[in-house]
Amino acid sequence: MNKAISYPTEAEALPVAAALSTTLRELIRSNDLAFLMEAHDGLSAAIAERAGFKGLWASGLSISSALGYRDANEASWTQVVDVVERMVDATGIPVLVDGDSGFGNFNNARIVARKLEQRGAAGICLEDKGFPKMNSFVGDRHPLADIAEFSGRLMAVKDTTGPDFVVVARIEALIAGHGLDEALIRAHAYAKAGADAILIHSRKAVADEILAFAKEWDNKLPVVIVPTKYYKTPVSAYRKAGISTVIWANHTMRAAIAGMRDICARIQSEESIAGIEERVAGLDELFDLIGYDELARAEDQYLPKQTG
């Protein structure tokens, strides 16, 4: 049965969600470098799973963009939770959710985390900024949260969710122009607050400060990275540095933009779809991804037989 069309009972859903959280935890803790692929809806999630990825990143940037919003907390947390639910339903692999800064203080953060856990998400990543946040690659206004206050957000989420639910603390010190020392101070505090992993972020085109952090941190907790800007760094460097997990953070969304832009321009120019048919996915592939075959079998099972 296609995962997108399975409808577990509440009693069945809870152990499945816990198992996915365990899977995510094992991926992050593994000695092998793990990779999470960005997705922003049920369809992109299903495509990433079929490509062979073992886990997904529910990107705040990509989900916001798909909804027509900027990555500045313009999309509400309830909208994000609804999208994540569709991603979970469409796949059988764990989803780590970009929870921005938690949509407010400790109380907002724990509500969001609890709702995500109820919808089947395997974990949440929280960044140490205030609310509303701004995308890390836009502008220079990136004030950091107070360390003690953000630690409280992490503790509230840990105390509210189950023992399997993964909480990743995202450090924005390097994004905000602070040095390695500030990033390490924050990492130690967030580890003490109960974080399961540390995501260290950078906007530089080279990975020097990321690798320096990894060396100083020495795997006190698993290190997660997002090499959107320093994409030329070979993966071998991350393995050598003992990095735990790499997130390809926005690439299905960017691929979709490029593909739709080019196809729309060509159809507009040619006033025909004849020339683009070979460049787009066939309807059979779409129907297969969404599970129309399961619907046909269900119709045979549940609808009355038609008689002549």
C-alpha atoms as a PDB file:
ATOM      1  CA  MET A   1       0.000   0.000   0.000  1.00  0.00           C
ATOM      2  CA  ASN A   2       1.262   3.476  -0.826  1.00  0.00           C
ATOM      3  CA  LYS A   3       2.229   5.197   2.428  1.00  0.00           C
ATOM      4  CA  ALA A   4       0.433   8.368   1.299  1.00  0.00           C
ATOM      5  CA  ILE A   5      -2.890   6.548   1.439  1.00  0.00           C
ATOM      6  CA  SER A   6      -2.533   4.583   4.660  1.00  0.00           C
ATOM      7  CA  TYR A   7      -4.823   5.641   7.483  1.00  0.00           C
ATOM      8  CA  PRO A   8      -3.619   4.253  10.815  1.00  0.00           C
ATOM      9  CA  THR A   9      -5.812   4.351  13.879  1.00  0.00           C
ATOM     10  CA  GLU A  10      -4.736   6.575  16.773  1.00  0.00           C
ATOM     11  CA  ALA A  11      -3.496   3.528  18.646  1.00  0.00           C
ATOM     12  CA  GLU A  12      -1.396   2.504  15.633  1.00  0.00           C
ATOM     13  CA  ALA A  13      -0.080   6.022  14.928  1.00  0.00           C
ATOM     14  CA  LEU A  14       1.619   6.596  18.286  1.00  0.00           C
ATOM     15  CA  PRO A  15       4.104   3.687  18.154  1.00  0.00           C
ATOM     16  CA  VAL A  16       4.802   4.452  14.481  1.00  0.00           C
ATOM     17  CA  ALA A  17       5.669   8.064  15.361  1.00  0.00           C
ATOM     18  CA  ALA A  18       7.911   6.905  18.216  1.00  0.00           C
ATOM     19  CA  ALA A  19       9.667   4.475  15.870  1.00  0.00           C
ATOM     20  CA  LEU A  20      10.347   7.264  13.366  1.00  0.00           C
ATOM     21  CA  SER A  21      11.781   9.431  16.142  1.00  0.00           C
ATOM     22  CA  THR A  22      14.036   6.543  17.133  1.00  0.00           C
ATOM     23  CA  THR A  23      15.127   6.183  13.517  1.00  0.00           C
ATOM     24  CA  LEU A  24      16.000   9.884  13.328  1.00  0.00           C
ATOM     25  CA  ARG A  25      17.922   9.676  16.597  1.00  0.00           C
ATOM     26  CA  GLU A  26      19.890   6.700  15.268  1.00  0.00           C
ATOM     27  CA  LEU A  27      20.656   8.528  12.016  1.00  0.00           C
ATOM     28  CA  ILE A  28      22.007  11.544  13.869  1.00  0.00           C
ATOM     29  CA  ARG A  29      24.019   9.451  16.335  1.00  0.00           C
ATOM     30  CA  SER A  30      25.410   7.062  13.741  1.00  0.00           C
ATOM     31  CA  ASN A  31      29.107   7.004  12.965  1.00  0.00           C
ATOM     32  CA  ASP A  32      28.164   7.218   9.290  1.00  0.00           C
ATOM     33  CA  LEU A  33      27.471  10.653   7.840  1.00  0.00           C
ATOM     34  CA  ALA A  34      23.709  11.047   7.417  1.00  0.00           C
ATOM     35  CA  PHE A  35      21.850  13.180   4.891  1.00  0.00           C
ATOM     36  CA  LEU A  36      18.430  14.811   5.239  1.00  0.00           C
ATOM     37  CA  MET A  37      16.657  16.114   2.135  1.00  0.00           C
ATOM     38  CA  GLU A  38      14.460  19.177   2.148  1.00  0.00           C
ATOM     39  CA  ALA A  39      10.765  18.779   1.408  1.00  0.00           C
ATOM     40  CA  HIS A  40       7.915  21.244   1.614  1.00  0.00           C
ATOM     41  CA  ASP A  41       4.769  19.216   0.913  1.00  0.00           C
ATOM     42  CA  GLY A  42       3.580  15.644   0.549  1.00  0.00           C
ATOM     43  CA  LEU A  43       4.663  15.349  -3.075  1.00  0.00           C
ATOM     44  CA  SER A  44       8.224  16.592  -2.588  1.00  0.00           C
ATOM     45  CA  ALA A  45       8.504  14.360   0.480  1.00  0.00           C
ATOM     46  CA  ALA A  46       7.451  11.291  -1.519  1.00  0.00           C
ATOM     47  CA  ILE A  47       9.924  12.144  -4.292  1.00  0.00           C
ATOM     48  CA  ALA A  48      12.803  12.524  -1.802  1.00  0.00           C
ATOM     49  CA  GLU A  49      11.985   9.192  -0.196  1.00  0.00           C
ATOM     50  CA  ARG A  50      11.938   7.454  -3.580  1.00  0.00           C
ATOM     51  CA  ALA A  51      15.322   8.970  -4.361  1.00  0.00           C
ATOM     52  CA  GLY A  52      16.678   7.006  -1.398  1.00  0.00           C
ATOM     53  CA  PHE A  53      16.920   9.564   1.405  1.00  0.00           C
ATOM     54  CA  LYS A  54      16.465   8.123   4.891  1.00  0.00           C
ATOM     55  CA  GLY A  55      15.133  11.305   6.480  1.00  0.00           C
ATOM     56  CA  LEU A  56      13.544  14.631   5.585  1.00  0.00           C
ATOM     57  CA  TRP A  57      14.038  18.264   6.536  1.00  0.00           C
ATOM     58  CA  ALA A  58      10.740  20.175   6.664  1.00  0.00           C
ATOM     59  CA  SER A  59      12.256  23.494   5.657  1.00  0.00           C
ATOM     60  CA  GLY A  60      10.744  26.678   7.039  1.00  0.00           C
ATOM     61  CA  LEU A  61      12.001  28.624   4.023  1.00  0.00           C
ATOM     62  CA  SER A  62      10.538  26.161   1.548  1.00  0.00           C
ATOM     63  CA  ILE A  63       7.211  25.663   3.314  1.00  0.00           C
ATOM     64  CA  SER A  64       6.780  29.428   3.631  1.00  0.00           C
ATOM     65  CA  SER A  65       7.683  29.921  -0.025  1.00  0.00           C
ATOM     66  CA  ALA A  66       5.230  27.244  -1.175  1.00  0.00           C
ATOM     67  CA  LEU A  67       2.515  29.050   0.778  1.00  0.00           C
ATOM     68  CA  GLY A  68       3.497  32.384  -0.780  1.00  0.00           C
ATOM     69  CA  TYR A  69       5.061  33.824   2.375  1.00  0.00           C
ATOM     70  CA  ARG A  70       8.516  35.087   3.292  1.00  0.00           C
ATOM     71  CA  ASP A  71      10.701  33.143   5.700  1.00  0.00           C
ATOM     72  CA  ALA A  72      10.079  35.664   8.464  1.00  0.00           C
ATOM     73  CA  ASN A  73       7.396  33.868  10.502  1.00  0.00           C
ATOM     74  CA  GLU A  74       4.711  35.106   8.117  1.00  0.00           C
ATOM     75  CA  ALA A  75       3.309  31.579   7.891  1.00  0.00           C
ATOM     76  CA  SER A  76       1.667  30.577  11.158  1.00  0.00           C
ATOM     77  CA  TRP A  77       2.806  27.585  13.168  1.00  0.00           C
ATOM     78  CA  THR A  78      -0.543  25.893  12.530  1.00  0.00           C
ATOM     79  CA  GLN A  79       0.033  26.163   8.781  1.00  0.00           C
ATOM     80  CA  VAL A  80       3.477  24.619   9.174  1.00  0.00           C
ATOM     81  CA  VAL A  81       2.101  21.782  11.301  1.00  0.00           C
ATOM     82  CA  ASP A  82      -0.568  21.028   8.680  1.00  0.00           C
ATOM     83  CA  VAL A  83       2.064  20.809   5.932  1.00  0.00           C
ATOM     84  CA  VAL A  84       4.262  18.544   8.054  1.00  0.00           C
ATOM     85  CA  GLU A  85       1.319  16.212   8.626  1.00  0.00           C
ATOM     86  CA  ARG A  86       0.946  15.767   4.860  1.00  0.00           C
ATOM     87  CA  MET A  87       4.673  15.044   4.567  1.00  0.00           C
ATOM     88  CA  VAL A  88       4.454  12.431   7.308  1.00  0.00           C
ATOM     89  CA  ASP A  89       1.415  10.808   5.698  1.00  0.00           C
ATOM     90  CA  ALA A  90       3.137  10.714   2.303  1.00  0.00           C
ATOM     91  CA  THR A  91       6.234   8.841   3.464  1.00  0.00           C
ATOM     92  CA  GLY A  92       7.623   6.234   5.798  1.00  0.00           C
ATOM     93  CA  ILE A  93      10.799   8.058   6.855  1.00  0.00           C
ATOM     94  CA  PRO A  94      11.405  10.487   9.752  1.00  0.00           C
ATOM     95  CA  VAL A  95      10.812  14.219   9.390  1.00  0.00           C
ATOM     96  CA  LEU A  96      12.940  16.763  11.269  1.00  0.00           C
ATOM     97  CA  VAL A  97      11.000  20.028  11.323  1.00  0.00           C
ATOM     98  CA  ASP A  98      12.525  23.467  10.999  1.00  0.00           C
ATOM     99  CA  GLY A  99      10.724  25.076  13.922  1.00  0.00           C
ATOM    100  CA  ASP A 100      12.314  28.499  13.418  1.00  0.00           C
ATOM    101  CA  SER A 101      12.752  30.077  16.860  1.00  0.00           C
ATOM    102  CA  GLY A 102       9.707  28.331  18.297  1.00  0.00           C
ATOM    103  CA  PHE A 103       7.156  30.975  17.257  1.00  0.00           C
ATOM    104  CA  GLY A 104       7.519  32.826  20.546  1.00  0.00           C
ATOM    105  CA  ASN A 105       8.731  32.020  24.034  1.00  0.00           C
ATOM    106  CA  PHE A 106       8.998  28.662  25.826  1.00  0.00           C
ATOM    107  CA  ASN A 107       5.229  28.256  25.869  1.00  0.00           C
ATOM    108  CA  ASN A 108       4.783  28.695  22.117  1.00  0.00           C
ATOM    109  CA  ALA A 109       7.754  26.423  21.456  1.00  0.00           C
ATOM    110  CA  ARG A 110       6.413  23.574  23.578  1.00  0.00           C
ATOM    111  CA  ILE A 111       2.936  23.844  22.029  1.00  0.00           C
ATOM    112  CA  VAL A 112       4.383  23.681  18.506  1.00  0.00           C
ATOM    113  CA  ALA A 113       6.605  20.729  19.410  1.00  0.00           C
ATOM    114  CA  ARG A 114       3.751  18.829  21.031  1.00  0.00           C
ATOM    115  CA  LYS A 115       1.491  19.355  18.021  1.00  0.00           C
ATOM    116  CA  LEU A 116       4.246  18.279  15.633  1.00  0.00           C
ATOM    117  CA  GLU A 117       4.844  15.139  17.665  1.00  0.00           C
ATOM    118  CA  GLN A 118       1.107  14.383  17.605  1.00  0.00           C
ATOM    119  CA  ARG A 119       1.133  14.701  13.800  1.00  0.00           C
ATOM    120  CA  GLY A 120       4.008  12.241  13.468  1.00  0.00           C
ATOM    121  CA  ALA A 121       7.083  14.464  13.171  1.00  0.00           C
ATOM    122  CA  ALA A 122      10.266  12.844  14.497  1.00  0.00           C
ATOM    123  CA  GLY A 123      11.914  15.983  15.826  1.00  0.00           C
ATOM    124  CA  ILE A 124      12.197  19.759  15.825  1.00  0.00           C
ATOM    125  CA  CYS A 125      15.076  22.154  15.277  1.00  0.00           C
ATOM    126  CA  LEU A 126      14.950  25.467  17.136  1.00  0.00           C
ATOM    127  CA  GLU A 127      17.256  28.422  16.408  1.00  0.00           C
ATOM    128  CA  ASP A 128      18.448  30.848  19.048  1.00  0.00           C
ATOM    129  CA  LYS A 129      16.779  33.986  17.741  1.00  0.00           C
ATOM    130  CA  GLY A 130      13.766  35.915  18.883  1.00  0.00           C
ATOM    131  CA  PHE A 131      10.333  36.060  17.278  1.00  0.00           C
ATOM    132  CA  PRO A 132       9.764  36.920  14.500  1.00  0.00           C
ATOM    133  CA  LYS A 133      12.921  35.512  12.964  1.00  0.00           C
ATOM    134  CA  MET A 134      14.416  36.418   9.606  1.00  0.00           C
ATOM    135  CA  ASN A 135      15.987  33.985   7.162  1.00  0.00           C
ATOM    136  CA  SER A 136      19.676  33.655   7.983  1.00  0.00           C
ATOM    137  CA  PHE A 137      20.779  34.714   4.502  1.00  0.00           C
ATOM    138  CA  VAL A 138      18.696  37.907   4.350  1.00  0.00           C
ATOM    139  CA  GLY A 139      20.065  41.170   5.717  1.00  0.00           C
ATOM    140  CA  ASP A 140      22.133  41.732   8.839  1.00  0.00           C
ATOM    141  CA  ARG A 141      19.447  42.057  11.500  1.00  0.00           C
ATOM    142  CA  HIS A 142      19.892  38.800  13.357  1.00  0.00           C
ATOM    143  CA  PRO A 143      19.752  39.526  17.091  1.00  0.00           C
ATOM    144  CA  LEU A 144      20.388  36.425  19.157  1.00  0.00           C
ATOM    145  CA  ALA A 145      18.208  35.182  21.968  1.00  0.00           C
ATOM    146  CA  ASP A 146      19.467  35.382  25.528  1.00  0.00           C
ATOM    147  CA  ILE A 147      21.218  32.090  26.290  1.00  0.00           C
ATOM    148  CA  ALA A 148      19.258  31.399  29.467  1.00  0.00           C
ATOM    149  CA  GLU A 149      15.938  32.253  27.838  1.00  0.00           C
ATOM    150  CA  PHE A 150      16.611  30.030  24.819  1.00  0.00           C
ATOM    151  CA  SER A 151      17.775  27.228  27.091  1.00  0.00           C
ATOM    152  CA  GLY A 152      14.389  27.496  28.758  1.00  0.00           C
ATOM    153  CA  ARG A 153      12.716  26.996  25.378  1.00  0.00           C
ATOM    154  CA  LEU A 154      14.728  23.828  24.827  1.00  0.00           C
ATOM    155  CA  MET A 155      13.959  22.490  28.303  1.00  0.00           C
ATOM    156  CA  ALA A 156      10.250  23.198  27.878  1.00  0.00           C
ATOM    157  CA  VAL A 157      10.185  21.250  24.614  1.00  0.00           C
ATOM    158  CA  LYS A 158      12.089  18.336  26.146  1.00  0.00           C
ATOM    159  CA  ASP A 159       9.741  18.256  29.142  1.00  0.00           C
ATOM    160  CA  THR A 160       6.658  18.375  26.908  1.00  0.00           C
ATOM    161  CA  THR A 161       7.535  15.765  24.280  1.00  0.00           C
ATOM    162  CA  GLY A 162       8.205  12.064  24.565  1.00  0.00           C
ATOM    163  CA  PRO A 163      11.661  10.596  25.221  1.00  0.00           C
ATOM    164  CA  ASP A 164      12.152   9.627  21.575  1.00  0.00           C
ATOM    165  CA  PHE A 165      11.349  13.035  20.068  1.00  0.00           C
ATOM    166  CA  VAL A 166      14.550  14.669  18.796  1.00  0.00           C
ATOM    167  CA  VAL A 167      15.385  18.278  19.707  1.00  0.00           C
ATOM    168  CA  VAL A 168      18.136  20.003  17.726  1.00  0.00           C
ATOM    169  CA  ALA A 169      19.502  23.354  18.939  1.00  0.00           C
ATOM    170  CA  ARG A 170      20.512  25.615  16.071  1.00  0.00           C
ATOM    171  CA  ILE A 171      23.227  28.149  16.850  1.00  0.00           C
ATOM    172  CA  GLU A 172      23.097  31.394  14.863  1.00  0.00           C
ATOM    173  CA  ALA A 173      26.126  33.074  16.472  1.00  0.00           C
ATOM    174  CA  LEU A 174      28.245  32.882  13.324  1.00  0.00           C
ATOM    175  CA  ILE A 175      25.348  34.174  11.214  1.00  0.00           C
ATOM    176  CA  ALA A 176      25.038  37.166  13.550  1.00  0.00           C
ATOM    177  CA  GLY A 177      28.726  38.028  13.226  1.00  0.00           C
ATOM    178  CA  HIS A 178      29.976  36.608  16.509  1.00  0.00           C
ATOM    179  CA  GLY A 179      33.020  34.401  16.777  1.00  0.00           C
ATOM    180  CA  LEU A 180      33.735  30.782  17.542  1.00  0.00           C
ATOM    181  CA  ASP A 181      33.896  31.399  21.293  1.00  0.00           C
ATOM    182  CA  GLU A 182      30.301  32.637  21.404  1.00  0.00           C
ATOM    183  CA  ALA A 183      29.136  29.650  19.362  1.00  0.00           C
ATOM    184  CA  LEU A 184      30.868  27.241  21.758  1.00  0.00           C
ATOM    185  CA  ILE A 185      29.456  28.963  24.855  1.00  0.00           C
ATOM    186  CA  ARG A 186      25.976  28.573  23.411  1.00  0.00           C
ATOM    187  CA  ALA A 187      26.574  24.956  22.402  1.00  0.00           C
ATOM    188  CA  HIS A 188      27.604  24.013  25.939  1.00  0.00           C
ATOM    189  CA  ALA A 189      24.552  25.753  27.415  1.00  0.00           C
ATOM    190  CA  TYR A 190      22.154  24.097  24.982  1.00  0.00           C
ATOM    191  CA  ALA A 191      23.669  20.676  25.611  1.00  0.00           C
ATOM    192  CA  LYS A 192      23.109  21.224  29.326  1.00  0.00           C
ATOM    193  CA  ALA A 193      19.493  22.203  28.567  1.00  0.00           C
ATOM    194  CA  GLY A 194      18.901  18.797  26.974  1.00  0.00           C
ATOM    195  CA  ALA A 195      19.455  19.264  23.236  1.00  0.00           C
ATOM    196  CA  ASP A 196      20.058  16.021  21.351  1.00  0.00           C
ATOM    197  CA  ALA A 197      22.247  17.635  18.681  1.00  0.00           C
ATOM    198  CA  ILE A 198      23.769  20.978  17.740  1.00  0.00           C
ATOM    199  CA  LEU A 199      23.200  22.603  14.349  1.00  0.00           C
ATOM    200  CA  ILE A 200      25.942  25.133  13.647  1.00  0.00           C
ATOM    201  CA  HIS A 201      25.095  27.536  10.828  1.00  0.00           C
ATOM    202  CA  SER A 202      27.214  29.773   8.598  1.00  0.00           C
ATOM    203  CA  ARG A 203      26.647  32.097   5.652  1.00  0.00           C
ATOM    204  CA  LYS A 204      30.235  32.035   4.382  1.00  0.00           C
ATOM    205  CA  ALA A 205      31.210  30.480   1.063  1.00  0.00           C
ATOM    206  CA  VAL A 206      33.818  28.283   2.716  1.00  0.00           C
ATOM    207  CA  ALA A 207      33.406  25.819   5.576  1.00  0.00           C
ATOM    208  CA  ASP A 208      36.373  27.004   7.651  1.00  0.00           C
ATOM    209  CA  GLU A 209      34.409  28.252  10.663  1.00  0.00           C
ATOM    210  CA  ILE A 210      32.129  25.198  10.616  1.00  0.00           C
ATOM    211  CA  LEU A 211      35.098  22.836  10.623  1.00  0.00           C
ATOM    212  CA  ALA A 212      36.767  24.885  13.354  1.00  0.00           C
ATOM    213  CA  PHE A 213      33.645  24.583  15.493  1.00  0.00           C
ATOM    214  CA  ALA A 214      33.489  20.823  14.931  1.00  0.00           C
ATOM    215  CA  LYS A 215      37.126  20.453  15.975  1.00  0.00           C
ATOM    216  CA  GLU A 216      36.687  22.446  19.198  1.00  0.00           C
ATOM    217  CA  TRP A 217      33.329  20.887  20.030  1.00  0.00           C
ATOM    218  CA  ASP A 218      34.791  17.398  19.658  1.00  0.00           C
ATOM    219  CA  ASN A 219      31.451  15.615  19.269  1.00  0.00           C
ATOM    220  CA  LYS A 220      30.142  16.352  22.740  1.00  0.00           C
ATOM    221  CA  LEU A 221      26.813  16.134  20.931  1.00  0.00           C
ATOM    222  CA  PRO A 222      26.248  15.270  17.257  1.00  0.00           C
ATOM    223  CA  VAL A 223      26.872  18.208  14.911  1.00  0.00           C
ATOM    224  CA  VAL A 224      24.410  18.997  12.123  1.00  0.00           C
ATOM    225  CA  ILE A 225      25.282  21.358   9.266  1.00  0.00           C
ATOM    226  CA  VAL A 226      23.519  23.114   6.378  1.00  0.00           C
ATOM    227  CA  PRO A 227      26.061  23.706   3.575  1.00  0.00           C
ATOM    228  CA  THR A 228      23.823  25.897   1.411  1.00  0.00           C
ATOM    229  CA  LYS A 229      26.486  28.584   0.991  1.00  0.00           C
ATOM    230  CA  TYR A 230      29.672  26.510   1.256  1.00  0.00           C
ATOM    231  CA  TYR A 231      28.392  23.935  -1.210  1.00  0.00           C
ATOM    232  CA  LYS A 232      31.775  23.445  -2.911  1.00  0.00           C
ATOM    233  CA  THR A 233      33.250  21.820   0.191  1.00  0.00           C
ATOM    234  CA  PRO A 234      33.602  18.063  -0.473  1.00  0.00           C
ATOM    235  CA  VAL A 235      31.614  15.718   1.723  1.00  0.00           C
ATOM    236  CA  SER A 236      34.850  13.985   2.665  1.00  0.00           C
ATOM    237  CA  ALA A 237      35.747  17.054   4.745  1.00  0.00           C
ATOM    238  CA  TYR A 238      32.601  16.580   6.828  1.00  0.00           C
ATOM    239  CA  ARG A 239      33.358  12.920   7.385  1.00  0.00           C
ATOM    240  CA  LYS A 240      36.903  13.719   8.434  1.00  0.00           C
ATOM    241  CA  ALA A 241      35.611  16.357  10.865  1.00  0.00           C
ATOM    242  CA  GLY A 242      33.173  13.919  12.469  1.00  0.00           C
ATOM    243  CA  ILE A 243      30.081  15.807  11.345  1.00  0.00           C
ATOM    244  CA  SER A 244      26.937  13.826  12.097  1.00  0.00           C
ATOM    245  CA  THR A 245      24.357  15.041   9.595  1.00  0.00           C
ATOM    246  CA  VAL A 246      24.181  17.164   6.463  1.00  0.00           C
ATOM    247  CA  ILE A 247      20.919  18.889   5.541  1.00  0.00           C
ATOM    248  CA  TRP A 248      20.304  19.736   1.881  1.00  0.00           C
ATOM    249  CA  ALA A 249      18.013  22.504   2.996  1.00  0.00           C
ATOM    250  CA  ASN A 250      16.109  24.076   0.091  1.00  0.00           C
ATOM    251  CA  HIS A 251      16.946  22.273  -3.104  1.00  0.00           C
ATOM    252  CA  THR A 252      13.647  20.644  -4.069  1.00  0.00           C
ATOM    253  CA  MET A 253      11.976  24.040  -3.738  1.00  0.00           C
ATOM    254  CA  ARG A 254      14.663  25.749  -5.829  1.00  0.00           C
ATOM    255  CA  ALA A 255      14.499  22.969  -8.419  1.00  0.00           C
ATOM    256  CA  ALA A 256      10.729  23.359  -8.603  1.00  0.00           C
ATOM    257  CA  ILE A 257      11.062  27.124  -9.114  1.00  0.00           C
ATOM    258  CA  ALA A 258      13.569  26.666 -11.936  1.00  0.00           C
ATOM    259  CA  GLY A 259      11.497  23.961 -13.607  1.00  0.00           C
ATOM    260  CA  MET A 260       8.184  25.812 -13.397  1.00  0.00           C
ATOM    261  CA  ARG A 261       9.787  29.074 -14.548  1.00  0.00           C
ATOM    262  CA  ASP A 262      11.277  27.491 -17.655  1.00  0.00           C
ATOM    263  CA  ILE A 263       8.183  25.496 -18.577  1.00  0.00           C
ATOM    264  CA  CYS A 264       5.834  28.447 -18.090  1.00  0.00           C
ATOM    265  CA  ALA A 265       8.055  30.687 -20.223  1.00  0.00           C
ATOM    266  CA  ARG A 266       8.214  28.146 -23.019  1.00  0.00           C
ATOM    267  CA  ILE A 267       4.470  27.484 -23.067  1.00  0.00           C
ATOM    268  CA  GLN A 268       3.815  31.225 -23.089  1.00  0.00           C
ATOM    269  CA  SER A 269       6.267  31.732 -25.942  1.00  0.00           C
ATOM    270  CA  GLU A 270       5.204  28.771 -28.087  1.00  0.00           C
ATOM    271  CA  GLU A 271       1.486  28.851 -27.263  1.00  0.00           C
ATOM    272  CA  SER A 272       1.643  25.066 -27.195  1.00  0.00           C
ATOM    273  CA  ILE A 273       2.524  22.209 -24.866  1.00  0.00           C
ATOM    274  CA  ALA A 274       3.684  19.897 -27.649  1.00  0.00           C
ATOM    275  CA  GLY A 275       7.316  20.886 -27.299  1.00  0.00           C
ATOM    276  CA  ILE A 276       7.575  20.444 -23.540  1.00  0.00           C
ATOM    277  CA  GLU A 277       5.906  17.075 -23.075  1.00  0.00           C
ATOM    278  CA  GLU A 278       9.207  15.204 -22.925  1.00  0.00           C
ATOM    279  CA  ARG A 279      10.575  17.640 -20.323  1.00  0.00           C
ATOM    280  CA  VAL A 280       7.855  17.147 -17.719  1.00  0.00           C
ATOM    281  CA  ALA A 281       6.896  14.142 -15.596  1.00  0.00           C
ATOM    282  CA  GLY A 282       4.235  11.936 -17.073  1.00  0.00           C
ATOM    283  CA  LEU A 283       0.826  11.702 -15.495  1.00  0.00           C
ATOM    284  CA  ASP A 284       1.487   8.025 -14.763  1.00  0.00           C
ATOM    285  CA  GLU A 285       4.406   9.012 -12.524  1.00  0.00           C
ATOM    286  CA  LEU A 286       2.263  11.556 -10.713  1.00  0.00           C
ATOM    287  CA  PHE A 287      -0.544   9.059 -10.174  1.00  0.00           C
ATOM    288  CA  ASP A 288       1.966   6.495  -8.907  1.00  0.00           C
ATOM    289  CA  LEU A 289       3.514   8.938  -6.411  1.00  0.00           C
ATOM    290  CA  ILE A 290       0.134   9.854  -4.945  1.00  0.00           C
ATOM    291  CA  GLY A 291      -1.143   6.271  -4.793  1.00  0.00           C
ATOM    292  CA  TYR A 292      -4.028   6.128  -7.229  1.00  0.00           C
ATOM    293  CA  ASP A 293      -3.517   2.367  -7.505  1.00  0.00           C
ATOM    294  CA  GLU A 294      -4.476   1.999  -3.841  1.00  0.00           C
ATOM    295  CA  LEU A 295      -7.637   3.990  -4.432  1.00  0.00           C
ATOM    296  CA  ALA A 296      -8.615   1.662  -7.269  1.00  0.00           C
ATOM    297  CA  ARG A 297      -8.156  -1.380  -5.013  1.00  0.00           C
ATOM    298  CA  ALA A 298     -10.118   0.307  -2.242  1.00  0.00           C
ATOM    299  CA  GLU A 299     -12.973   1.062  -4.620  1.00  0.00           C
ATOM    300  CA  ASP A 300     -13.144  -2.631  -5.506  1.00  0.00           C
ATOM    301  CA  GLN A 301     -13.224  -3.481  -1.806  1.00  0.00           C
ATOM    302  CA  TYR A 302     -15.643  -0.875  -0.471  1.00  0.00           C
ATOM    303  CA  LEU A 303     -17.934   0.258  -3.294  1.00  0.00           C
ATOM    304  CA  PRO A 304     -20.862  -1.923  -4.306  1.00  0.00           C
ATOM    305  CA  LYS A 305     -20.337  -3.914  -7.457  1.00  0.00           C
ATOM    306  CA  GLN A 306     -22.022  -2.453 -10.496  1.00  0.00           C
ATOM    307  CA  THR A 307     -24.472  -4.719 -12.215  1.00  0.00           C
ATOM    308  CA  GLY A 308     -25.578  -4.599 -15.821  1.00  0.00           C
END
